[in-house]
Amino acid sequence: MKKVFLLSLIFCKTVYAQKPQPVAASTYNFSGLDLVLNQNAKALDKNFCVLIYKNAQLVYRVEMGDSKANLPMEAGDISKWLTAALTMQLVDQGKLSLDDKVSTYLPIFKTYGKGYITIRQCLTHFTGLSGAGLSGLHGYATLEAEVNDICAKREISTNPGTEFRYTGAGYAIVGRVLEVITKKPFDRLIKETLFRPLNMQRSSFTSDHAVDPAEGAQVAPAELLNFTAMILGKGVFNGKRFLSDSSIAELLKVETTSDMIKSSPIGVDGYNYALGAWISPTNPGLYVAPSLTGSWAFVDYGKSYTAVILVAKSFGDPKKTVFVTIKQAMDSALQ
């Protein structure tokens, strides 16, 4: 049998079962969610972790298979949300502006006639650069080498700021800008500035090739929940402020209209984009960060809770229908 570990609000209890069980001593009835997770366990390879945070508390925790809330997993595209938040921390420190030109920090962009691309356009997939430009997948030794190659080899196919095309290139560029500004490698910078202060000690962007600000995070589910709880708290977590009101507003601002979006990942059709996360077309208070690994993280301001659903195995499919079903069960339990 699979081990399922359940954390109540008062004590920790280990249960041996083939399906998730309700959290002991909870004020919520999660039986419907338990049933949905059991029904969809095979779709998630029976190897996943689900955590829910509401009213400044962890109210639900399930670990299936080899997944553990405190063991890092691949975050995939959820990494973009982390990189965007790190960028806003540096904005708060007065070290850059979202509307700065990338060439201010990376002169090579001016050399190749791309000096007008801004940091905001990189974070919102409006660079106009051709090609996928996925970062960290081409054997580069450093982020600098990768970004220089992107600049030299990717042509401008549309005017920056006019068409949304989802790639990792913009986040690689921003990651390199942050390295130049701080004189620190990206993986060290995000650990010192975002992860350690949020008690995300096990999480990292460590890699044996060029660091990947777009998809390269390895995060423990419980630690990712700290991050989304900070977003839910409008920049505050455990009484400490991590992002200013103005930076949170920028992070959550709608940056697209439906006619601008020319390419997007599977599972977010009809959604608009903020910085690193997608905004539900039917619930403007719902921000979701899906990954092609099959994982999801979201913040629901309308219902005042956040949750992470991390799978330990990459599927190449964000499983939108599974997520929607799980999210509906969460909503029912928490209403």
C-alpha atoms as a PDB file:
ATOM      1  CA  MET A   1       0.000   0.000   0.000  1.00  0.00           C
ATOM      2  CA  LYS A   2       1.010   3.612  -0.572  1.00  0.00           C
ATOM      3  CA  LYS A   3       1.870   5.716   2.418  1.00  0.00           C
ATOM      4  CA  VAL A   4      -0.177   8.849   2.816  1.00  0.00           C
ATOM      5  CA  PHE A   5       1.035  11.424   5.297  1.00  0.00           C
ATOM      6  CA  LEU A   6      -1.555  13.772   6.768  1.00  0.00           C
ATOM      7  CA  LEU A   7      -0.827  16.855   8.832  1.00  0.00           C
ATOM      8  CA  SER A   8      -3.592  18.170  11.036  1.00  0.00           C
ATOM      9  CA  LEU A   9      -3.624  21.652  12.420  1.00  0.00           C
ATOM     10  CA  ILE A  10      -2.836  20.263  15.853  1.00  0.00           C
ATOM     11  CA  PHE A  11      -0.721  17.151  15.414  1.00  0.00           C
ATOM     12  CA  CYS A  12       0.908  15.006  12.744  1.00  0.00           C
ATOM     13  CA  LYS A  13      -0.496  11.574  12.029  1.00  0.00           C
ATOM     14  CA  THR A  14       0.625   8.884   9.580  1.00  0.00           C
ATOM     15  CA  VAL A  15      -2.061   6.860   7.819  1.00  0.00           C
ATOM     16  CA  TYR A  16      -1.516   3.823   5.597  1.00  0.00           C
ATOM     17  CA  ALA A  17      -4.124   3.816   2.858  1.00  0.00           C
ATOM     18  CA  GLN A  18      -4.721   3.562  -0.860  1.00  0.00           C
ATOM     19  CA  LYS A  19      -6.349   6.960  -1.028  1.00  0.00           C
ATOM     20  CA  PRO A  20      -6.005  10.350   0.685  1.00  0.00           C
ATOM     21  CA  GLN A  21      -7.862  10.800   3.945  1.00  0.00           C
ATOM     22  CA  PRO A  22      -9.411  13.908   5.569  1.00  0.00           C
ATOM     23  CA  VAL A  23      -7.185  16.033   7.732  1.00  0.00           C
ATOM     24  CA  ALA A  24      -7.819  15.206  11.387  1.00  0.00           C
ATOM     25  CA  ALA A  25      -9.260  17.961  13.562  1.00  0.00           C
ATOM     26  CA  SER A  26      -9.926  20.175  10.525  1.00  0.00           C
ATOM     27  CA  THR A  27     -12.925  22.489  10.493  1.00  0.00           C
ATOM     28  CA  TYR A  28     -13.432  21.591   6.822  1.00  0.00           C
ATOM     29  CA  ASN A  29     -14.885  18.488   5.261  1.00  0.00           C
ATOM     30  CA  PHE A  30     -12.428  17.294   2.631  1.00  0.00           C
ATOM     31  CA  SER A  31     -14.133  13.985   1.852  1.00  0.00           C
ATOM     32  CA  GLY A  32     -15.089  15.217  -1.625  1.00  0.00           C
ATOM     33  CA  LEU A  33     -11.504  16.258  -2.338  1.00  0.00           C
ATOM     34  CA  ASP A  34     -10.227  12.926  -1.041  1.00  0.00           C
ATOM     35  CA  LEU A  35     -12.531  11.158  -3.485  1.00  0.00           C
ATOM     36  CA  VAL A  36     -11.428  13.327  -6.428  1.00  0.00           C
ATOM     37  CA  LEU A  37      -7.739  12.766  -5.676  1.00  0.00           C
ATOM     38  CA  ASN A  38      -8.331   9.044  -5.435  1.00  0.00           C
ATOM     39  CA  GLN A  39     -10.184   9.035  -8.767  1.00  0.00           C
ATOM     40  CA  ASN A  40      -7.384  10.999 -10.450  1.00  0.00           C
ATOM     41  CA  ALA A  41      -4.435   9.325  -8.723  1.00  0.00           C
ATOM     42  CA  LYS A  42      -3.545   7.288 -11.799  1.00  0.00           C
ATOM     43  CA  ALA A  43      -3.522  10.417 -13.996  1.00  0.00           C
ATOM     44  CA  LEU A  44      -1.009  11.896 -11.544  1.00  0.00           C
ATOM     45  CA  ASP A  45       1.055   8.674 -11.585  1.00  0.00           C
ATOM     46  CA  LYS A  46       0.073   8.048  -7.943  1.00  0.00           C
ATOM     47  CA  ASN A  47       3.065  10.219  -7.132  1.00  0.00           C
ATOM     48  CA  PHE A  48       2.038  13.710  -6.059  1.00  0.00           C
ATOM     49  CA  CYS A  49       1.685  16.152  -3.183  1.00  0.00           C
ATOM     50  CA  VAL A  50      -1.304  18.408  -2.518  1.00  0.00           C
ATOM     51  CA  LEU A  51      -1.219  21.218   0.046  1.00  0.00           C
ATOM     52  CA  ILE A  52      -3.821  23.881   0.897  1.00  0.00           C
ATOM     53  CA  TYR A  53      -3.238  27.061   2.912  1.00  0.00           C
ATOM     54  CA  LYS A  54      -6.093  29.180   4.279  1.00  0.00           C
ATOM     55  CA  ASN A  55      -6.504  31.573   7.202  1.00  0.00           C
ATOM     56  CA  ALA A  56      -2.715  31.621   7.738  1.00  0.00           C
ATOM     57  CA  GLN A  57      -2.665  27.855   8.306  1.00  0.00           C
ATOM     58  CA  LEU A  58      -1.945  24.649   6.452  1.00  0.00           C
ATOM     59  CA  VAL A  59      -5.383  23.016   6.339  1.00  0.00           C
ATOM     60  CA  TYR A  60      -4.766  20.065   4.029  1.00  0.00           C
ATOM     61  CA  ARG A  61      -1.775  17.918   3.177  1.00  0.00           C
ATOM     62  CA  VAL A  62      -1.525  14.718   1.164  1.00  0.00           C
ATOM     63  CA  GLU A  63       1.626  12.952  -0.041  1.00  0.00           C
ATOM     64  CA  MET A  64       1.298   9.998  -2.407  1.00  0.00           C
ATOM     65  CA  GLY A  65       3.951   7.591  -3.636  1.00  0.00           C
ATOM     66  CA  ASP A  66       7.482   8.897  -3.291  1.00  0.00           C
ATOM     67  CA  SER A  67       6.366  12.517  -3.075  1.00  0.00           C
ATOM     68  CA  LYS A  68       7.105  14.341   0.159  1.00  0.00           C
ATOM     69  CA  ALA A  69       6.120  17.862   1.090  1.00  0.00           C
ATOM     70  CA  ASN A  70       9.687  18.667   2.150  1.00  0.00           C
ATOM     71  CA  LEU A  71      11.516  17.048  -0.775  1.00  0.00           C
ATOM     72  CA  PRO A  72      12.252  19.144  -3.880  1.00  0.00           C
ATOM     73  CA  MET A  73      10.514  18.391  -7.179  1.00  0.00           C
ATOM     74  CA  GLU A  74      10.809  19.944 -10.601  1.00  0.00           C
ATOM     75  CA  ALA A  75       8.687  23.092 -10.710  1.00  0.00           C
ATOM     76  CA  GLY A  76       8.800  23.502 -14.489  1.00  0.00           C
ATOM     77  CA  ASP A  77       6.985  26.612 -15.703  1.00  0.00           C
ATOM     78  CA  ILE A  78       6.042  27.578 -12.135  1.00  0.00           C
ATOM     79  CA  SER A  79       9.663  28.793 -12.023  1.00  0.00           C
ATOM     80  CA  LYS A  80       8.618  31.864 -14.005  1.00  0.00           C
ATOM     81  CA  TRP A  81       6.453  33.086 -11.111  1.00  0.00           C
ATOM     82  CA  LEU A  82       9.443  32.806  -8.763  1.00  0.00           C
ATOM     83  CA  THR A  83      11.714  34.694 -11.188  1.00  0.00           C
ATOM     84  CA  ALA A  84       9.116  37.426 -11.669  1.00  0.00           C
ATOM     85  CA  ALA A  85       8.792  37.875  -7.887  1.00  0.00           C
ATOM     86  CA  LEU A  86      12.571  38.052  -7.507  1.00  0.00           C
ATOM     87  CA  THR A  87      12.655  40.756 -10.175  1.00  0.00           C
ATOM     88  CA  MET A  88      10.034  42.759  -8.286  1.00  0.00           C
ATOM     89  CA  GLN A  89      12.142  42.489  -5.117  1.00  0.00           C
ATOM     90  CA  LEU A  90      14.971  44.213  -6.984  1.00  0.00           C
ATOM     91  CA  VAL A  91      12.505  46.816  -8.244  1.00  0.00           C
ATOM     92  CA  ASP A  92      11.592  47.471  -4.603  1.00  0.00           C
ATOM     93  CA  GLN A  93      15.304  47.901  -3.853  1.00  0.00           C
ATOM     94  CA  GLY A  94      15.535  50.560  -6.559  1.00  0.00           C
ATOM     95  CA  LYS A  95      17.971  48.529  -8.643  1.00  0.00           C
ATOM     96  CA  LEU A  96      15.887  48.493 -11.821  1.00  0.00           C
ATOM     97  CA  SER A  97      12.542  49.354 -13.391  1.00  0.00           C
ATOM     98  CA  LEU A  98      10.329  47.023 -15.375  1.00  0.00           C
ATOM     99  CA  ASP A  99      10.388  49.504 -18.223  1.00  0.00           C
ATOM    100  CA  ASP A 100      14.183  49.718 -18.375  1.00  0.00           C
ATOM    101  CA  LYS A 101      15.647  48.628 -21.674  1.00  0.00           C
ATOM    102  CA  VAL A 102      17.525  45.337 -21.446  1.00  0.00           C
ATOM    103  CA  SER A 103      20.403  46.979 -23.339  1.00  0.00           C
ATOM    104  CA  THR A 104      20.990  49.258 -20.340  1.00  0.00           C
ATOM    105  CA  TYR A 105      22.477  46.218 -18.612  1.00  0.00           C
ATOM    106  CA  LEU A 106      23.321  43.986 -21.589  1.00  0.00           C
ATOM    107  CA  PRO A 107      24.913  46.195 -24.303  1.00  0.00           C
ATOM    108  CA  ILE A 108      25.004  43.244 -26.709  1.00  0.00           C
ATOM    109  CA  PHE A 109      21.287  43.843 -27.348  1.00  0.00           C
ATOM    110  CA  LYS A 110      22.027  47.271 -28.754  1.00  0.00           C
ATOM    111  CA  THR A 111      24.867  45.810 -30.835  1.00  0.00           C
ATOM    112  CA  TYR A 112      22.418  43.440 -32.528  1.00  0.00           C
ATOM    113  CA  GLY A 113      19.679  46.030 -33.038  1.00  0.00           C
ATOM    114  CA  LYS A 114      17.510  44.815 -30.174  1.00  0.00           C
ATOM    115  CA  GLY A 115      18.180  47.662 -27.778  1.00  0.00           C
ATOM    116  CA  TYR A 116      14.522  48.636 -27.371  1.00  0.00           C
ATOM    117  CA  ILE A 117      13.321  45.390 -25.687  1.00  0.00           C
ATOM    118  CA  THR A 118      12.320  46.067 -22.073  1.00  0.00           C
ATOM    119  CA  ILE A 119      12.427  43.952 -18.936  1.00  0.00           C
ATOM    120  CA  ARG A 120       8.615  44.035 -18.767  1.00  0.00           C
ATOM    121  CA  GLN A 121       8.394  42.679 -22.317  1.00  0.00           C
ATOM    122  CA  CYS A 122      10.740  39.848 -21.354  1.00  0.00           C
ATOM    123  CA  LEU A 123       8.610  38.894 -18.342  1.00  0.00           C
ATOM    124  CA  THR A 124       5.371  39.044 -20.335  1.00  0.00           C
ATOM    125  CA  HIS A 125       6.543  37.207 -23.506  1.00  0.00           C
ATOM    126  CA  PHE A 126       6.343  40.302 -25.697  1.00  0.00           C
ATOM    127  CA  THR A 127       9.989  40.453 -26.817  1.00  0.00           C
ATOM    128  CA  GLY A 128       9.118  39.867 -30.474  1.00  0.00           C
ATOM    129  CA  LEU A 129      12.036  37.422 -30.747  1.00  0.00           C
ATOM    130  CA  SER A 130      11.582  34.523 -33.142  1.00  0.00           C
ATOM    131  CA  GLY A 131      11.994  30.875 -32.207  1.00  0.00           C
ATOM    132  CA  ALA A 132      11.215  28.987 -29.047  1.00  0.00           C
ATOM    133  CA  GLY A 133      14.247  30.274 -27.176  1.00  0.00           C
ATOM    134  CA  LEU A 134      13.708  27.799 -24.372  1.00  0.00           C
ATOM    135  CA  SER A 135      16.391  28.335 -21.787  1.00  0.00           C
ATOM    136  CA  GLY A 136      18.641  25.696 -20.281  1.00  0.00           C
ATOM    137  CA  LEU A 137      18.063  23.096 -23.016  1.00  0.00           C
ATOM    138  CA  HIS A 138      20.994  23.606 -25.367  1.00  0.00           C
ATOM    139  CA  GLY A 139      24.063  22.666 -23.368  1.00  0.00           C
ATOM    140  CA  TYR A 140      25.164  26.186 -22.470  1.00  0.00           C
ATOM    141  CA  ALA A 141      27.705  26.394 -19.684  1.00  0.00           C
ATOM    142  CA  THR A 142      26.455  29.748 -18.375  1.00  0.00           C
ATOM    143  CA  LEU A 143      23.374  31.922 -18.543  1.00  0.00           C
ATOM    144  CA  GLU A 144      25.528  34.657 -20.070  1.00  0.00           C
ATOM    145  CA  ALA A 145      26.518  32.398 -22.982  1.00  0.00           C
ATOM    146  CA  GLU A 146      22.916  31.386 -23.578  1.00  0.00           C
ATOM    147  CA  VAL A 147      21.554  34.937 -23.533  1.00  0.00           C
ATOM    148  CA  ASN A 148      24.326  36.174 -25.820  1.00  0.00           C
ATOM    149  CA  ASP A 149      23.377  33.413 -28.247  1.00  0.00           C
ATOM    150  CA  ILE A 150      19.676  34.290 -28.025  1.00  0.00           C
ATOM    151  CA  CYS A 151      20.528  37.903 -28.792  1.00  0.00           C
ATOM    152  CA  ALA A 152      22.816  37.078 -31.702  1.00  0.00           C
ATOM    153  CA  LYS A 153      20.712  34.365 -33.359  1.00  0.00           C
ATOM    154  CA  ARG A 154      17.065  35.186 -32.642  1.00  0.00           C
ATOM    155  CA  GLU A 155      15.614  37.658 -35.119  1.00  0.00           C
ATOM    156  CA  ILE A 156      12.883  40.144 -34.299  1.00  0.00           C
ATOM    157  CA  SER A 157       9.772  38.689 -35.935  1.00  0.00           C
ATOM    158  CA  THR A 158       7.215  41.163 -34.555  1.00  0.00           C
ATOM    159  CA  ASN A 159       7.455  44.546 -32.908  1.00  0.00           C
ATOM    160  CA  PRO A 160       8.156  44.099 -29.161  1.00  0.00           C
ATOM    161  CA  GLY A 161       5.048  44.695 -27.104  1.00  0.00           C
ATOM    162  CA  THR A 162       2.557  43.700 -29.800  1.00  0.00           C
ATOM    163  CA  GLU A 163       2.307  39.892 -29.836  1.00  0.00           C
ATOM    164  CA  PHE A 164       2.458  37.449 -26.907  1.00  0.00           C
ATOM    165  CA  ARG A 165       4.444  34.313 -27.730  1.00  0.00           C
ATOM    166  CA  TYR A 166       5.150  32.023 -24.779  1.00  0.00           C
ATOM    167  CA  THR A 167       8.841  31.093 -24.526  1.00  0.00           C
ATOM    168  CA  GLY A 168      11.602  30.832 -21.958  1.00  0.00           C
ATOM    169  CA  ALA A 169      13.862  33.328 -23.734  1.00  0.00           C
ATOM    170  CA  GLY A 170      12.579  36.444 -21.988  1.00  0.00           C
ATOM    171  CA  TYR A 171      13.056  34.920 -18.546  1.00  0.00           C
ATOM    172  CA  ALA A 172      16.579  33.844 -19.434  1.00  0.00           C
ATOM    173  CA  ILE A 173      17.301  37.442 -20.477  1.00  0.00           C
ATOM    174  CA  VAL A 174      15.883  38.869 -17.250  1.00  0.00           C
ATOM    175  CA  GLY A 175      17.836  36.329 -15.220  1.00  0.00           C
ATOM    176  CA  ARG A 176      21.035  37.505 -16.879  1.00  0.00           C
ATOM    177  CA  VAL A 177      20.106  41.155 -16.249  1.00  0.00           C
ATOM    178  CA  LEU A 178      19.704  40.375 -12.545  1.00  0.00           C
ATOM    179  CA  GLU A 179      23.133  38.714 -12.533  1.00  0.00           C
ATOM    180  CA  VAL A 180      24.739  41.830 -14.025  1.00  0.00           C
ATOM    181  CA  ILE A 181      22.971  44.202 -11.635  1.00  0.00           C
ATOM    182  CA  THR A 182      23.782  42.241  -8.473  1.00  0.00           C
ATOM    183  CA  LYS A 183      27.099  40.708  -9.600  1.00  0.00           C
ATOM    184  CA  LYS A 184      25.800  37.346  -8.354  1.00  0.00           C
ATOM    185  CA  PRO A 185      24.893  34.164 -10.257  1.00  0.00           C
ATOM    186  CA  PHE A 186      21.141  33.768 -10.590  1.00  0.00           C
ATOM    187  CA  ASP A 187      20.879  30.596  -8.492  1.00  0.00           C
ATOM    188  CA  ARG A 188      22.738  32.232  -5.594  1.00  0.00           C
ATOM    189  CA  LEU A 189      20.758  35.467  -5.909  1.00  0.00           C
ATOM    190  CA  ILE A 190      17.334  33.852  -5.727  1.00  0.00           C
ATOM    191  CA  LYS A 191      18.418  31.702  -2.785  1.00  0.00           C
ATOM    192  CA  GLU A 192      19.647  34.699  -0.815  1.00  0.00           C
ATOM    193  CA  THR A 193      16.934  37.165  -1.763  1.00  0.00           C
ATOM    194  CA  LEU A 194      13.757  35.080  -2.048  1.00  0.00           C
ATOM    195  CA  PHE A 195      14.180  31.471  -0.914  1.00  0.00           C
ATOM    196  CA  ARG A 196      16.009  31.792   2.403  1.00  0.00           C
ATOM    197  CA  PRO A 197      13.849  34.665   3.710  1.00  0.00           C
ATOM    198  CA  LEU A 198      10.731  32.614   2.827  1.00  0.00           C
ATOM    199  CA  ASN A 199      12.132  29.531   4.619  1.00  0.00           C
ATOM    200  CA  MET A 200      12.581  27.754   1.294  1.00  0.00           C
ATOM    201  CA  GLN A 201      15.868  26.208   2.350  1.00  0.00           C
ATOM    202  CA  ARG A 202      15.609  23.062   0.212  1.00  0.00           C
ATOM    203  CA  SER A 203      14.533  24.861  -2.961  1.00  0.00           C
ATOM    204  CA  SER A 204      17.002  25.979  -5.612  1.00  0.00           C
ATOM    205  CA  PHE A 205      17.770  26.622  -9.276  1.00  0.00           C
ATOM    206  CA  THR A 206      20.944  24.549  -9.088  1.00  0.00           C
ATOM    207  CA  SER A 207      21.812  22.822 -12.368  1.00  0.00           C
ATOM    208  CA  ASP A 208      24.698  21.077 -14.108  1.00  0.00           C
ATOM    209  CA  HIS A 209      24.229  23.368 -17.123  1.00  0.00           C
ATOM    210  CA  ALA A 210      23.195  26.983 -17.592  1.00  0.00           C
ATOM    211  CA  VAL A 211      20.723  28.011 -14.894  1.00  0.00           C
ATOM    212  CA  ASP A 212      17.161  28.201 -16.234  1.00  0.00           C
ATOM    213  CA  PRO A 213      15.101  31.097 -14.782  1.00  0.00           C
ATOM    214  CA  ALA A 214      12.092  29.982 -16.835  1.00  0.00           C
ATOM    215  CA  GLU A 215      11.793  26.315 -15.871  1.00  0.00           C
ATOM    216  CA  GLY A 216      14.736  25.289 -13.698  1.00  0.00           C
ATOM    217  CA  ALA A 217      13.446  25.542 -10.120  1.00  0.00           C
ATOM    218  CA  GLN A 218      13.577  22.521  -7.837  1.00  0.00           C
ATOM    219  CA  VAL A 219      11.080  23.255  -5.061  1.00  0.00           C
ATOM    220  CA  ALA A 220       9.765  21.426  -2.040  1.00  0.00           C
ATOM    221  CA  PRO A 221       5.942  21.588  -2.142  1.00  0.00           C
ATOM    222  CA  ALA A 222       5.703  22.925   1.416  1.00  0.00           C
ATOM    223  CA  GLU A 223       8.208  25.646   0.527  1.00  0.00           C
ATOM    224  CA  LEU A 224       6.419  26.580  -2.680  1.00  0.00           C
ATOM    225  CA  LEU A 225       3.320  26.990  -0.512  1.00  0.00           C
ATOM    226  CA  ASN A 226       5.247  29.591   1.515  1.00  0.00           C
ATOM    227  CA  PHE A 227       5.758  31.511  -1.723  1.00  0.00           C
ATOM    228  CA  THR A 228       2.128  31.341  -2.828  1.00  0.00           C
ATOM    229  CA  ALA A 229       1.022  32.238   0.724  1.00  0.00           C
ATOM    230  CA  MET A 230       3.157  35.373   0.403  1.00  0.00           C
ATOM    231  CA  ILE A 231       1.395  36.204  -2.872  1.00  0.00           C
ATOM    232  CA  LEU A 232      -1.976  35.560  -1.211  1.00  0.00           C
ATOM    233  CA  GLY A 233      -0.892  37.885   1.610  1.00  0.00           C
ATOM    234  CA  LYS A 234      -0.216  40.658  -0.922  1.00  0.00           C
ATOM    235  CA  GLY A 235       3.518  40.537  -0.282  1.00  0.00           C
ATOM    236  CA  VAL A 236       3.407  39.589   3.414  1.00  0.00           C
ATOM    237  CA  PHE A 237       4.121  36.168   4.939  1.00  0.00           C
ATOM    238  CA  ASN A 238       4.383  35.320   8.635  1.00  0.00           C
ATOM    239  CA  GLY A 239       4.208  39.004   9.480  1.00  0.00           C
ATOM    240  CA  LYS A 240       7.147  39.944   7.244  1.00  0.00           C
ATOM    241  CA  ARG A 241       6.830  41.988   4.066  1.00  0.00           C
ATOM    242  CA  PHE A 242       8.613  40.589   1.009  1.00  0.00           C
ATOM    243  CA  LEU A 243       7.094  42.743  -1.727  1.00  0.00           C
ATOM    244  CA  SER A 244       5.687  46.261  -1.606  1.00  0.00           C
ATOM    245  CA  ASP A 245       2.061  46.995  -2.443  1.00  0.00           C
ATOM    246  CA  SER A 246       3.142  48.550  -5.733  1.00  0.00           C
ATOM    247  CA  SER A 247       5.252  45.519  -6.686  1.00  0.00           C
ATOM    248  CA  ILE A 248       2.424  43.114  -5.872  1.00  0.00           C
ATOM    249  CA  ALA A 249       0.127  45.255  -8.014  1.00  0.00           C
ATOM    250  CA  GLU A 250       2.606  44.966 -10.902  1.00  0.00           C
ATOM    251  CA  LEU A 251       2.992  41.230 -10.371  1.00  0.00           C
ATOM    252  CA  LEU A 252      -0.778  40.719 -10.565  1.00  0.00           C
ATOM    253  CA  LYS A 253      -1.626  43.223 -13.285  1.00  0.00           C
ATOM    254  CA  VAL A 254      -3.210  41.890 -16.476  1.00  0.00           C
ATOM    255  CA  GLU A 255      -0.655  42.327 -19.273  1.00  0.00           C
ATOM    256  CA  THR A 256      -2.523  40.807 -22.206  1.00  0.00           C
ATOM    257  CA  THR A 257      -5.764  40.798 -24.128  1.00  0.00           C
ATOM    258  CA  SER A 258      -6.992  37.676 -25.883  1.00  0.00           C
ATOM    259  CA  ASP A 259      -6.186  39.030 -29.351  1.00  0.00           C
ATOM    260  CA  MET A 260      -2.522  39.588 -28.353  1.00  0.00           C
ATOM    261  CA  ILE A 261      -1.890  35.940 -27.430  1.00  0.00           C
ATOM    262  CA  LYS A 262      -0.490  34.116 -30.464  1.00  0.00           C
ATOM    263  CA  SER A 263       0.943  31.089 -28.653  1.00  0.00           C
ATOM    264  CA  SER A 264       0.448  29.688 -25.156  1.00  0.00           C
ATOM    265  CA  PRO A 265       0.919  26.411 -23.267  1.00  0.00           C
ATOM    266  CA  ILE A 266      -1.678  23.654 -23.276  1.00  0.00           C
ATOM    267  CA  GLY A 267      -4.246  24.175 -20.548  1.00  0.00           C
ATOM    268  CA  VAL A 268      -4.501  27.969 -20.336  1.00  0.00           C
ATOM    269  CA  ASP A 269      -6.625  28.704 -23.380  1.00  0.00           C
ATOM    270  CA  GLY A 270      -8.775  31.757 -22.686  1.00  0.00           C
ATOM    271  CA  TYR A 271      -6.554  32.891 -19.805  1.00  0.00           C
ATOM    272  CA  ASN A 272      -4.700  36.210 -19.716  1.00  0.00           C
ATOM    273  CA  TYR A 273      -1.168  36.711 -18.411  1.00  0.00           C
ATOM    274  CA  ALA A 274       0.271  38.714 -15.534  1.00  0.00           C
ATOM    275  CA  LEU A 275       3.938  38.377 -14.508  1.00  0.00           C
ATOM    276  CA  GLY A 276       4.758  34.670 -14.306  1.00  0.00           C
ATOM    277  CA  ALA A 277       1.155  33.522 -13.789  1.00  0.00           C
ATOM    278  CA  TRP A 278      -2.094  33.224 -15.716  1.00  0.00           C
ATOM    279  CA  ILE A 279      -5.415  34.847 -14.782  1.00  0.00           C
ATOM    280  CA  SER A 280      -8.654  32.891 -15.001  1.00  0.00           C
ATOM    281  CA  PRO A 281     -11.140  34.218 -17.581  1.00  0.00           C
ATOM    282  CA  THR A 282     -14.078  33.362 -15.328  1.00  0.00           C
ATOM    283  CA  ASN A 283     -12.534  34.271 -11.968  1.00  0.00           C
ATOM    284  CA  PRO A 284     -10.324  37.393 -12.175  1.00  0.00           C
ATOM    285  CA  GLY A 285      -9.104  36.742  -8.627  1.00  0.00           C
ATOM    286  CA  LEU A 286      -7.643  33.357  -9.554  1.00  0.00           C
ATOM    287  CA  TYR A 287      -3.955  33.294 -10.553  1.00  0.00           C
ATOM    288  CA  VAL A 288      -2.588  29.974 -11.756  1.00  0.00           C
ATOM    289  CA  ALA A 289       0.901  28.800 -12.645  1.00  0.00           C
ATOM    290  CA  PRO A 290       0.626  25.503 -14.532  1.00  0.00           C
ATOM    291  CA  SER A 291       3.630  23.484 -15.605  1.00  0.00           C
ATOM    292  CA  LEU A 292       4.065  21.084 -18.487  1.00  0.00           C
ATOM    293  CA  THR A 293       5.286  18.630 -15.854  1.00  0.00           C
ATOM    294  CA  GLY A 294       1.643  18.326 -14.754  1.00  0.00           C
ATOM    295  CA  SER A 295       2.007  20.450 -11.616  1.00  0.00           C
ATOM    296  CA  TRP A 296      -0.089  23.489 -10.669  1.00  0.00           C
ATOM    297  CA  ALA A 297       0.205  26.284  -8.131  1.00  0.00           C
ATOM    298  CA  PHE A 298      -2.492  28.878  -7.643  1.00  0.00           C
ATOM    299  CA  VAL A 299      -3.717  31.769  -5.531  1.00  0.00           C
ATOM    300  CA  ASP A 300      -7.452  32.412  -5.279  1.00  0.00           C
ATOM    301  CA  TYR A 301      -8.125  35.865  -3.837  1.00  0.00           C
ATOM    302  CA  GLY A 302     -11.885  35.484  -4.215  1.00  0.00           C
ATOM    303  CA  LYS A 303     -11.956  32.445  -1.940  1.00  0.00           C
ATOM    304  CA  SER A 304      -8.950  33.514   0.139  1.00  0.00           C
ATOM    305  CA  TYR A 305      -6.772  30.437  -0.168  1.00  0.00           C
ATOM    306  CA  THR A 306      -3.802  29.056  -2.047  1.00  0.00           C
ATOM    307  CA  ALA A 307      -2.765  25.543  -2.993  1.00  0.00           C
ATOM    308  CA  VAL A 308      -0.022  23.613  -4.756  1.00  0.00           C
ATOM    309  CA  ILE A 309      -0.394  20.347  -6.658  1.00  0.00           C
ATOM    310  CA  LEU A 310       3.054  19.015  -7.494  1.00  0.00           C
ATOM    311  CA  VAL A 311       3.710  15.775  -9.335  1.00  0.00           C
ATOM    312  CA  ALA A 312       7.034  14.013  -9.108  1.00  0.00           C
ATOM    313  CA  LYS A 313       7.078  12.845 -12.721  1.00  0.00           C
ATOM    314  CA  SER A 314       7.064  14.915 -15.898  1.00  0.00           C
ATOM    315  CA  PHE A 315       4.095  14.227 -18.181  1.00  0.00           C
ATOM    316  CA  GLY A 316       4.419  16.867 -20.903  1.00  0.00           C
ATOM    317  CA  ASP A 317       0.783  17.730 -20.164  1.00  0.00           C
ATOM    318  CA  PRO A 318      -0.490  20.212 -17.564  1.00  0.00           C
ATOM    319  CA  LYS A 319      -3.716  18.159 -17.166  1.00  0.00           C
ATOM    320  CA  LYS A 320      -6.108  21.091 -17.073  1.00  0.00           C
ATOM    321  CA  THR A 321      -9.204  18.924 -16.673  1.00  0.00           C
ATOM    322  CA  VAL A 322      -7.680  17.186 -13.660  1.00  0.00           C
ATOM    323  CA  PHE A 323      -6.722  20.518 -12.132  1.00  0.00           C
ATOM    324  CA  VAL A 324     -10.198  21.984 -12.687  1.00  0.00           C
ATOM    325  CA  THR A 325     -11.820  18.969 -11.033  1.00  0.00           C
ATOM    326  CA  ILE A 326      -9.468  19.148  -8.044  1.00  0.00           C
ATOM    327  CA  LYS A 327      -9.944  22.912  -7.753  1.00  0.00           C
ATOM    328  CA  GLN A 328     -13.733  22.522  -7.724  1.00  0.00           C
ATOM    329  CA  ALA A 329     -13.474  19.959  -4.922  1.00  0.00           C
ATOM    330  CA  MET A 330     -11.250  22.324  -2.944  1.00  0.00           C
ATOM    331  CA  ASP A 331     -13.715  25.175  -3.412  1.00  0.00           C
ATOM    332  CA  SER A 332     -16.593  23.009  -2.189  1.00  0.00           C
ATOM    333  CA  ALA A 333     -14.677  21.974   0.931  1.00  0.00           C
ATOM    334  CA  LEU A 334     -13.572  25.493   1.800  1.00  0.00           C
ATOM    335  CA  GLN A 335     -16.814  27.391   1.207  1.00  0.00           C
END
